[in-house]
Amino acid sequence: MYELYIGNKNYSSWSLRPWLLMVECGLPFHEHLVALQEGSSWDAFRSFAPNGKVPCLRDGDTVVWDSLAIVEYLAERHPGVWPGEARARAWARCAAAEMHAGFAALRGTCPMNCGVRVTLHGIDAALQRDLSRLAELWNEGLSRFGGPFLAGPAFGAVDAFFAPVAWRILSYDLPLDDASRAYAQRLRELPGMQCWYAAALTETARLKDSEDTARRVGSLREDLRAPA
């Protein structure tokens, strides 16, 4: 059985992607949650991940230590990870790779923090550019392939890659068009997302960098998490 190593569910956007994909696709795995460390998790994670990061998938003697590589490894073994139709599959791979490598302003300004509700002080040009591109990308996929997911009727890897953004939209009340907000809500309503969120709210660990960022970029309206 697969062994999937992840970080704290409240914070670890990278961990959410393969975890959600495997849950929604019905792929059995053992979950190993290893707490993120303040500053650097290198020492804590090196025992299972060559790069000292999460997520990391272990399949017997095979170790896959990058979220996009994990998706491709699973796609070679299980149908439905990527769309079956070639055009949709090419688009989905491009969109997932863009999320994997880009949207730096969105990541930096609004780190994933599932349990908080923050009113941003404002939206600078870099964040607005990322939000505009996000809406453009989501609307293209939904209209081109018919929805309700980005590459067609079935949830897949490209949706998993944007799942952390759905929590960011909720946490920071990010301004997007109605279709994009509806898609984000659709992601949050997935059984796997609800399971992840419920677990995130029970976590008592607090990472100073993420907490400080949330307070720097906005005003904290609400904290739904269990007390630290």
C-alpha atoms as a PDB file:
ATOM      1  CA  MET A   1       0.000   0.000   0.000  1.00  0.00           C
ATOM      2  CA  TYR A   2       1.127   3.563  -0.681  1.00  0.00           C
ATOM      3  CA  GLU A   3       2.638   5.569   2.177  1.00  0.00           C
ATOM      4  CA  LEU A   4       1.938   9.311   1.920  1.00  0.00           C
ATOM      5  CA  TYR A   5       3.843  11.717   4.143  1.00  0.00           C
ATOM      6  CA  ILE A   6       2.225  15.100   4.679  1.00  0.00           C
ATOM      7  CA  GLY A   7       2.537  18.166   6.908  1.00  0.00           C
ATOM      8  CA  ASN A   8       0.024  19.987   9.087  1.00  0.00           C
ATOM      9  CA  LYS A   9      -3.367  20.083   7.398  1.00  0.00           C
ATOM     10  CA  ASN A  10      -4.040  23.673   8.412  1.00  0.00           C
ATOM     11  CA  TYR A  11      -0.939  24.965   6.623  1.00  0.00           C
ATOM     12  CA  SER A  12       0.463  22.451   4.129  1.00  0.00           C
ATOM     13  CA  SER A  13      -0.959  23.349   0.736  1.00  0.00           C
ATOM     14  CA  TRP A  14       1.541  21.105  -1.050  1.00  0.00           C
ATOM     15  CA  SER A  15       0.455  18.106   1.036  1.00  0.00           C
ATOM     16  CA  LEU A  16      -3.223  18.668   0.269  1.00  0.00           C
ATOM     17  CA  ARG A  17      -2.805  18.107  -3.460  1.00  0.00           C
ATOM     18  CA  PRO A  18      -1.796  14.424  -3.648  1.00  0.00           C
ATOM     19  CA  TRP A  19      -3.749  13.606  -0.473  1.00  0.00           C
ATOM     20  CA  LEU A  20      -6.999  14.930  -1.966  1.00  0.00           C
ATOM     21  CA  LEU A  21      -6.356  13.318  -5.336  1.00  0.00           C
ATOM     22  CA  MET A  22      -5.822   9.917  -3.738  1.00  0.00           C
ATOM     23  CA  VAL A  23      -8.873  10.254  -1.493  1.00  0.00           C
ATOM     24  CA  GLU A  24     -11.206  11.400  -4.270  1.00  0.00           C
ATOM     25  CA  CYS A  25      -9.891   8.754  -6.686  1.00  0.00           C
ATOM     26  CA  GLY A  26     -10.302   6.023  -4.076  1.00  0.00           C
ATOM     27  CA  LEU A  27      -6.610   5.085  -3.958  1.00  0.00           C
ATOM     28  CA  PRO A  28      -5.803   3.402  -0.627  1.00  0.00           C
ATOM     29  CA  PHE A  29      -2.835   4.741   1.323  1.00  0.00           C
ATOM     30  CA  HIS A  30      -1.404   5.075   4.806  1.00  0.00           C
ATOM     31  CA  GLU A  31      -1.219   8.700   5.930  1.00  0.00           C
ATOM     32  CA  HIS A  32       1.799   9.865   7.919  1.00  0.00           C
ATOM     33  CA  LEU A  33       1.370  13.394   9.262  1.00  0.00           C
ATOM     34  CA  VAL A  34       4.708  14.831  10.349  1.00  0.00           C
ATOM     35  CA  ALA A  35       4.520  18.272  11.939  1.00  0.00           C
ATOM     36  CA  LEU A  36       6.082  21.189  10.095  1.00  0.00           C
ATOM     37  CA  GLN A  37       8.915  22.810  12.025  1.00  0.00           C
ATOM     38  CA  GLU A  38       9.398  26.516  12.564  1.00  0.00           C
ATOM     39  CA  GLY A  39      11.937  27.873  10.106  1.00  0.00           C
ATOM     40  CA  SER A  40      12.974  24.614   8.417  1.00  0.00           C
ATOM     41  CA  SER A  41      11.661  21.057   8.500  1.00  0.00           C
ATOM     42  CA  TRP A  42      14.758  19.620   6.823  1.00  0.00           C
ATOM     43  CA  ASP A  43      15.923  17.539   9.788  1.00  0.00           C
ATOM     44  CA  ALA A  44      12.435  16.263  10.624  1.00  0.00           C
ATOM     45  CA  PHE A  45      11.611  15.264   7.049  1.00  0.00           C
ATOM     46  CA  ARG A  46      14.919  13.866   5.815  1.00  0.00           C
ATOM     47  CA  SER A  47      14.153  10.467   7.350  1.00  0.00           C
ATOM     48  CA  PHE A  48      11.513   9.836   4.665  1.00  0.00           C
ATOM     49  CA  ALA A  49      12.029  12.488   1.938  1.00  0.00           C
ATOM     50  CA  PRO A  50      15.358  13.035   0.119  1.00  0.00           C
ATOM     51  CA  ASN A  51      14.622  16.757  -0.286  1.00  0.00           C
ATOM     52  CA  GLY A  52      13.474  17.228   3.303  1.00  0.00           C
ATOM     53  CA  LYS A  53      10.000  18.361   2.243  1.00  0.00           C
ATOM     54  CA  VAL A  54       6.407  17.163   2.079  1.00  0.00           C
ATOM     55  CA  PRO A  55       4.553  15.638   0.394  1.00  0.00           C
ATOM     56  CA  CYS A  56       6.460  12.447  -0.186  1.00  0.00           C
ATOM     57  CA  LEU A  57       5.048   9.188  -1.538  1.00  0.00           C
ATOM     58  CA  ARG A  58       6.670   5.853  -0.813  1.00  0.00           C
ATOM     59  CA  ASP A  59       5.647   2.748  -2.746  1.00  0.00           C
ATOM     60  CA  GLY A  60       7.797  -0.093  -1.524  1.00  0.00           C
ATOM     61  CA  ASP A  61      11.346   0.817  -2.499  1.00  0.00           C
ATOM     62  CA  THR A  62      10.204   3.673  -4.743  1.00  0.00           C
ATOM     63  CA  VAL A  63      10.279   7.190  -3.274  1.00  0.00           C
ATOM     64  CA  VAL A  64       8.557  10.089  -5.069  1.00  0.00           C
ATOM     65  CA  TRP A  65       9.216  13.437  -3.393  1.00  0.00           C
ATOM     66  CA  ASP A  66       7.483  16.150  -5.406  1.00  0.00           C
ATOM     67  CA  SER A  67       3.739  16.797  -5.669  1.00  0.00           C
ATOM     68  CA  LEU A  68       3.669  16.918  -9.472  1.00  0.00           C
ATOM     69  CA  ALA A  69       5.899  13.858  -9.725  1.00  0.00           C
ATOM     70  CA  ILE A  70       3.568  12.025  -7.308  1.00  0.00           C
ATOM     71  CA  VAL A  71       0.616  12.815  -9.567  1.00  0.00           C
ATOM     72  CA  GLU A  72       2.423  11.516 -12.640  1.00  0.00           C
ATOM     73  CA  TYR A  73       3.535   8.388 -10.782  1.00  0.00           C
ATOM     74  CA  LEU A  74      -0.072   7.686  -9.791  1.00  0.00           C
ATOM     75  CA  ALA A  75      -1.319   8.472 -13.308  1.00  0.00           C
ATOM     76  CA  GLU A  76       0.904   5.722 -14.721  1.00  0.00           C
ATOM     77  CA  ARG A  77      -0.827   3.211 -12.444  1.00  0.00           C
ATOM     78  CA  HIS A  78      -4.425   4.384 -12.137  1.00  0.00           C
ATOM     79  CA  PRO A  79      -6.976   5.697 -14.665  1.00  0.00           C
ATOM     80  CA  GLY A  80      -8.766   8.974 -14.099  1.00  0.00           C
ATOM     81  CA  VAL A  81      -5.918  11.021 -12.677  1.00  0.00           C
ATOM     82  CA  TRP A  82      -5.737  13.032 -15.912  1.00  0.00           C
ATOM     83  CA  PRO A  83      -8.582  13.367 -18.451  1.00  0.00           C
ATOM     84  CA  GLY A  84      -8.854  10.640 -21.043  1.00  0.00           C
ATOM     85  CA  GLU A  85      -9.349  13.082 -23.922  1.00  0.00           C
ATOM     86  CA  ALA A  86      -6.056  14.378 -25.324  1.00  0.00           C
ATOM     87  CA  ARG A  87      -6.916  18.091 -25.567  1.00  0.00           C
ATOM     88  CA  ALA A  88      -8.336  18.190 -22.057  1.00  0.00           C
ATOM     89  CA  ARG A  89      -5.360  16.246 -20.736  1.00  0.00           C
ATOM     90  CA  ALA A  90      -2.858  18.652 -22.324  1.00  0.00           C
ATOM     91  CA  TRP A  91      -4.702  21.665 -20.929  1.00  0.00           C
ATOM     92  CA  ALA A  92      -4.974  20.107 -17.469  1.00  0.00           C
ATOM     93  CA  ARG A  93      -1.255  19.339 -17.370  1.00  0.00           C
ATOM     94  CA  CYS A  94      -0.401  22.912 -18.368  1.00  0.00           C
ATOM     95  CA  ALA A  95      -2.733  24.407 -15.762  1.00  0.00           C
ATOM     96  CA  ALA A  96      -1.417  22.147 -12.997  1.00  0.00           C
ATOM     97  CA  ALA A  97       2.197  22.929 -13.938  1.00  0.00           C
ATOM     98  CA  GLU A  98       1.422  26.656 -13.930  1.00  0.00           C
ATOM     99  CA  MET A  99       0.011  26.371 -10.413  1.00  0.00           C
ATOM    100  CA  HIS A 100       2.979  24.240  -9.347  1.00  0.00           C
ATOM    101  CA  ALA A 101       5.492  26.836 -10.520  1.00  0.00           C
ATOM    102  CA  GLY A 102       3.652  30.142 -10.376  1.00  0.00           C
ATOM    103  CA  PHE A 103       1.249  32.398  -8.479  1.00  0.00           C
ATOM    104  CA  ALA A 104       4.038  33.588  -6.158  1.00  0.00           C
ATOM    105  CA  ALA A 105       2.185  36.697  -5.000  1.00  0.00           C
ATOM    106  CA  LEU A 106      -0.893  34.686  -4.061  1.00  0.00           C
ATOM    107  CA  ARG A 107       1.234  32.184  -2.134  1.00  0.00           C
ATOM    108  CA  GLY A 108       3.277  34.845  -0.388  1.00  0.00           C
ATOM    109  CA  THR A 109       0.454  37.195   0.530  1.00  0.00           C
ATOM    110  CA  CYS A 110      -2.129  34.546   1.414  1.00  0.00           C
ATOM    111  CA  PRO A 111      -0.454  31.404   2.755  1.00  0.00           C
ATOM    112  CA  MET A 112      -2.869  28.553   3.345  1.00  0.00           C
ATOM    113  CA  ASN A 113      -4.315  28.807   6.836  1.00  0.00           C
ATOM    114  CA  CYS A 114      -7.630  26.959   6.721  1.00  0.00           C
ATOM    115  CA  GLY A 115      -8.975  27.997  10.108  1.00  0.00           C
ATOM    116  CA  VAL A 116      -8.676  31.782   9.973  1.00  0.00           C
ATOM    117  CA  ARG A 117     -10.782  34.509   8.398  1.00  0.00           C
ATOM    118  CA  VAL A 118      -8.822  37.611   7.448  1.00  0.00           C
ATOM    119  CA  THR A 119      -9.846  40.934   5.913  1.00  0.00           C
ATOM    120  CA  LEU A 120      -6.989  42.047   3.699  1.00  0.00           C
ATOM    121  CA  HIS A 121      -5.661  45.585   4.106  1.00  0.00           C
ATOM    122  CA  GLY A 122      -5.559  45.821   0.338  1.00  0.00           C
ATOM    123  CA  ILE A 123      -4.624  44.041  -2.882  1.00  0.00           C
ATOM    124  CA  ASP A 124      -1.429  45.138  -4.582  1.00  0.00           C
ATOM    125  CA  ALA A 125      -0.692  44.880  -8.296  1.00  0.00           C
ATOM    126  CA  ALA A 126       1.141  41.549  -8.039  1.00  0.00           C
ATOM    127  CA  LEU A 127      -1.670  39.845  -6.122  1.00  0.00           C
ATOM    128  CA  GLN A 128      -4.282  41.302  -8.452  1.00  0.00           C
ATOM    129  CA  ARG A 129      -2.372  39.966 -11.447  1.00  0.00           C
ATOM    130  CA  ASP A 130      -2.388  36.479  -9.910  1.00  0.00           C
ATOM    131  CA  LEU A 131      -6.098  36.669  -9.101  1.00  0.00           C
ATOM    132  CA  SER A 132      -6.910  37.845 -12.625  1.00  0.00           C
ATOM    133  CA  ARG A 133      -4.886  35.021 -14.137  1.00  0.00           C
ATOM    134  CA  LEU A 134      -6.512  32.526 -11.783  1.00  0.00           C
ATOM    135  CA  ALA A 135      -9.995  33.620 -12.845  1.00  0.00           C
ATOM    136  CA  GLU A 136      -8.987  33.565 -16.509  1.00  0.00           C
ATOM    137  CA  LEU A 137      -7.598  30.050 -16.197  1.00  0.00           C
ATOM    138  CA  TRP A 138     -10.542  28.661 -14.243  1.00  0.00           C
ATOM    139  CA  ASN A 139     -13.126  30.183 -16.555  1.00  0.00           C
ATOM    140  CA  GLU A 140     -11.290  28.876 -19.593  1.00  0.00           C
ATOM    141  CA  GLY A 141     -11.307  25.325 -18.278  1.00  0.00           C
ATOM    142  CA  LEU A 142     -14.905  25.411 -17.081  1.00  0.00           C
ATOM    143  CA  SER A 143     -16.237  26.834 -20.348  1.00  0.00           C
ATOM    144  CA  ARG A 144     -14.000  24.880 -22.706  1.00  0.00           C
ATOM    145  CA  PHE A 145     -14.574  21.436 -21.183  1.00  0.00           C
ATOM    146  CA  GLY A 146     -18.090  21.896 -19.818  1.00  0.00           C
ATOM    147  CA  GLY A 147     -17.447  21.607 -16.066  1.00  0.00           C
ATOM    148  CA  PRO A 148     -18.280  21.162 -13.312  1.00  0.00           C
ATOM    149  CA  PHE A 149     -14.534  20.571 -12.822  1.00  0.00           C
ATOM    150  CA  LEU A 150     -11.715  22.290 -14.670  1.00  0.00           C
ATOM    151  CA  ALA A 151     -11.107  19.652 -17.324  1.00  0.00           C
ATOM    152  CA  GLY A 152     -14.603  18.199 -17.589  1.00  0.00           C
ATOM    153  CA  PRO A 153     -17.166  16.276 -15.573  1.00  0.00           C
ATOM    154  CA  ALA A 154     -14.756  14.390 -13.301  1.00  0.00           C
ATOM    155  CA  PHE A 155     -12.481  15.635 -10.523  1.00  0.00           C
ATOM    156  CA  GLY A 156      -8.832  15.090 -11.384  1.00  0.00           C
ATOM    157  CA  ALA A 157      -5.260  16.157 -10.794  1.00  0.00           C
ATOM    158  CA  VAL A 158      -5.699  19.691 -12.096  1.00  0.00           C
ATOM    159  CA  ASP A 159      -8.482  20.299  -9.580  1.00  0.00           C
ATOM    160  CA  ALA A 160      -6.319  18.870  -6.793  1.00  0.00           C
ATOM    161  CA  PHE A 161      -3.584  21.351  -7.645  1.00  0.00           C
ATOM    162  CA  PHE A 162      -5.950  24.271  -7.191  1.00  0.00           C
ATOM    163  CA  ALA A 163      -7.625  22.889  -4.055  1.00  0.00           C
ATOM    164  CA  PRO A 164      -5.434  24.939  -1.668  1.00  0.00           C
ATOM    165  CA  VAL A 165      -6.553  28.090  -3.480  1.00  0.00           C
ATOM    166  CA  ALA A 166     -10.145  27.256  -2.555  1.00  0.00           C
ATOM    167  CA  TRP A 167      -9.178  27.540   1.123  1.00  0.00           C
ATOM    168  CA  ARG A 168      -7.232  30.746   0.489  1.00  0.00           C
ATOM    169  CA  ILE A 169     -10.297  32.292  -1.141  1.00  0.00           C
ATOM    170  CA  LEU A 170     -12.346  31.482   1.950  1.00  0.00           C
ATOM    171  CA  SER A 171      -9.704  32.493   4.489  1.00  0.00           C
ATOM    172  CA  TYR A 172      -8.888  35.853   2.886  1.00  0.00           C
ATOM    173  CA  ASP A 173     -12.206  36.575   1.130  1.00  0.00           C
ATOM    174  CA  LEU A 174     -10.416  37.042  -2.182  1.00  0.00           C
ATOM    175  CA  PRO A 175     -12.384  38.929  -4.851  1.00  0.00           C
ATOM    176  CA  LEU A 176     -13.179  36.749  -7.858  1.00  0.00           C
ATOM    177  CA  ASP A 177     -15.999  36.484 -10.364  1.00  0.00           C
ATOM    178  CA  ASP A 178     -19.091  34.418  -9.569  1.00  0.00           C
ATOM    179  CA  ALA A 179     -18.081  31.413 -11.680  1.00  0.00           C
ATOM    180  CA  SER A 180     -14.678  31.200 -10.009  1.00  0.00           C
ATOM    181  CA  ARG A 181     -16.135  31.523  -6.524  1.00  0.00           C
ATOM    182  CA  ALA A 182     -18.702  28.833  -7.336  1.00  0.00           C
ATOM    183  CA  TYR A 183     -15.943  26.505  -8.514  1.00  0.00           C
ATOM    184  CA  ALA A 184     -13.961  27.135  -5.321  1.00  0.00           C
ATOM    185  CA  GLN A 185     -17.070  26.341  -3.289  1.00  0.00           C
ATOM    186  CA  ARG A 186     -17.536  23.147  -5.318  1.00  0.00           C
ATOM    187  CA  LEU A 187     -14.017  22.088  -4.372  1.00  0.00           C
ATOM    188  CA  ARG A 188     -14.575  22.859  -0.701  1.00  0.00           C
ATOM    189  CA  GLU A 189     -17.709  20.718  -0.688  1.00  0.00           C
ATOM    190  CA  LEU A 190     -15.873  17.594  -1.834  1.00  0.00           C
ATOM    191  CA  PRO A 191     -15.919  14.886   0.866  1.00  0.00           C
ATOM    192  CA  GLY A 192     -12.136  14.799   0.925  1.00  0.00           C
ATOM    193  CA  MET A 193     -11.911  18.559   1.366  1.00  0.00           C
ATOM    194  CA  GLN A 194     -14.418  18.474   4.208  1.00  0.00           C
ATOM    195  CA  CYS A 195     -12.433  15.714   5.904  1.00  0.00           C
ATOM    196  CA  TRP A 196      -9.179  17.672   5.507  1.00  0.00           C
ATOM    197  CA  TYR A 197     -10.785  20.860   6.851  1.00  0.00           C
ATOM    198  CA  ALA A 198     -12.290  19.156   9.890  1.00  0.00           C
ATOM    199  CA  ALA A 199      -8.882  17.739  10.788  1.00  0.00           C
ATOM    200  CA  ALA A 200      -7.179  21.104  10.191  1.00  0.00           C
ATOM    201  CA  LEU A 201      -9.467  22.802  12.694  1.00  0.00           C
ATOM    202  CA  THR A 202      -8.446  20.351  15.429  1.00  0.00           C
ATOM    203  CA  GLU A 203      -4.736  21.108  15.087  1.00  0.00           C
ATOM    204  CA  THR A 204      -3.280  23.162  17.918  1.00  0.00           C
ATOM    205  CA  ALA A 205       0.153  23.841  16.393  1.00  0.00           C
ATOM    206  CA  ARG A 206       0.869  27.392  15.265  1.00  0.00           C
ATOM    207  CA  LEU A 207       3.608  28.326  12.802  1.00  0.00           C
ATOM    208  CA  LYS A 208       4.836  31.824  13.567  1.00  0.00           C
ATOM    209  CA  ASP A 209       5.697  32.767   9.982  1.00  0.00           C
ATOM    210  CA  SER A 210       2.235  31.892   8.663  1.00  0.00           C
ATOM    211  CA  GLU A 211       0.450  33.482  11.612  1.00  0.00           C
ATOM    212  CA  ASP A 212       2.516  36.657  11.332  1.00  0.00           C
ATOM    213  CA  THR A 213       1.842  36.890   7.597  1.00  0.00           C
ATOM    214  CA  ALA A 214      -1.915  36.642   8.124  1.00  0.00           C
ATOM    215  CA  ARG A 215      -1.767  39.487  10.642  1.00  0.00           C
ATOM    216  CA  ARG A 216       0.562  41.574   8.503  1.00  0.00           C
ATOM    217  CA  VAL A 217      -1.562  41.472   5.352  1.00  0.00           C
ATOM    218  CA  GLY A 218      -4.930  41.950   7.038  1.00  0.00           C
ATOM    219  CA  SER A 219      -7.112  42.053  10.115  1.00  0.00           C
ATOM    220  CA  LEU A 220      -8.016  38.762  11.770  1.00  0.00           C
ATOM    221  CA  ARG A 221     -11.816  38.535  11.959  1.00  0.00           C
ATOM    222  CA  GLU A 222     -12.157  35.003  13.209  1.00  0.00           C
ATOM    223  CA  ASP A 223     -10.100  31.978  14.260  1.00  0.00           C
ATOM    224  CA  LEU A 224     -12.062  28.733  14.054  1.00  0.00           C
ATOM    225  CA  ARG A 225      -9.269  26.422  15.180  1.00  0.00           C
ATOM    226  CA  ALA A 226      -8.910  24.593  18.453  1.00  0.00           C
ATOM    227  CA  PRO A 227      -6.990  26.715  20.980  1.00  0.00           C
ATOM    228  CA  ALA A 228      -3.224  26.566  20.663  1.00  0.00           C
END
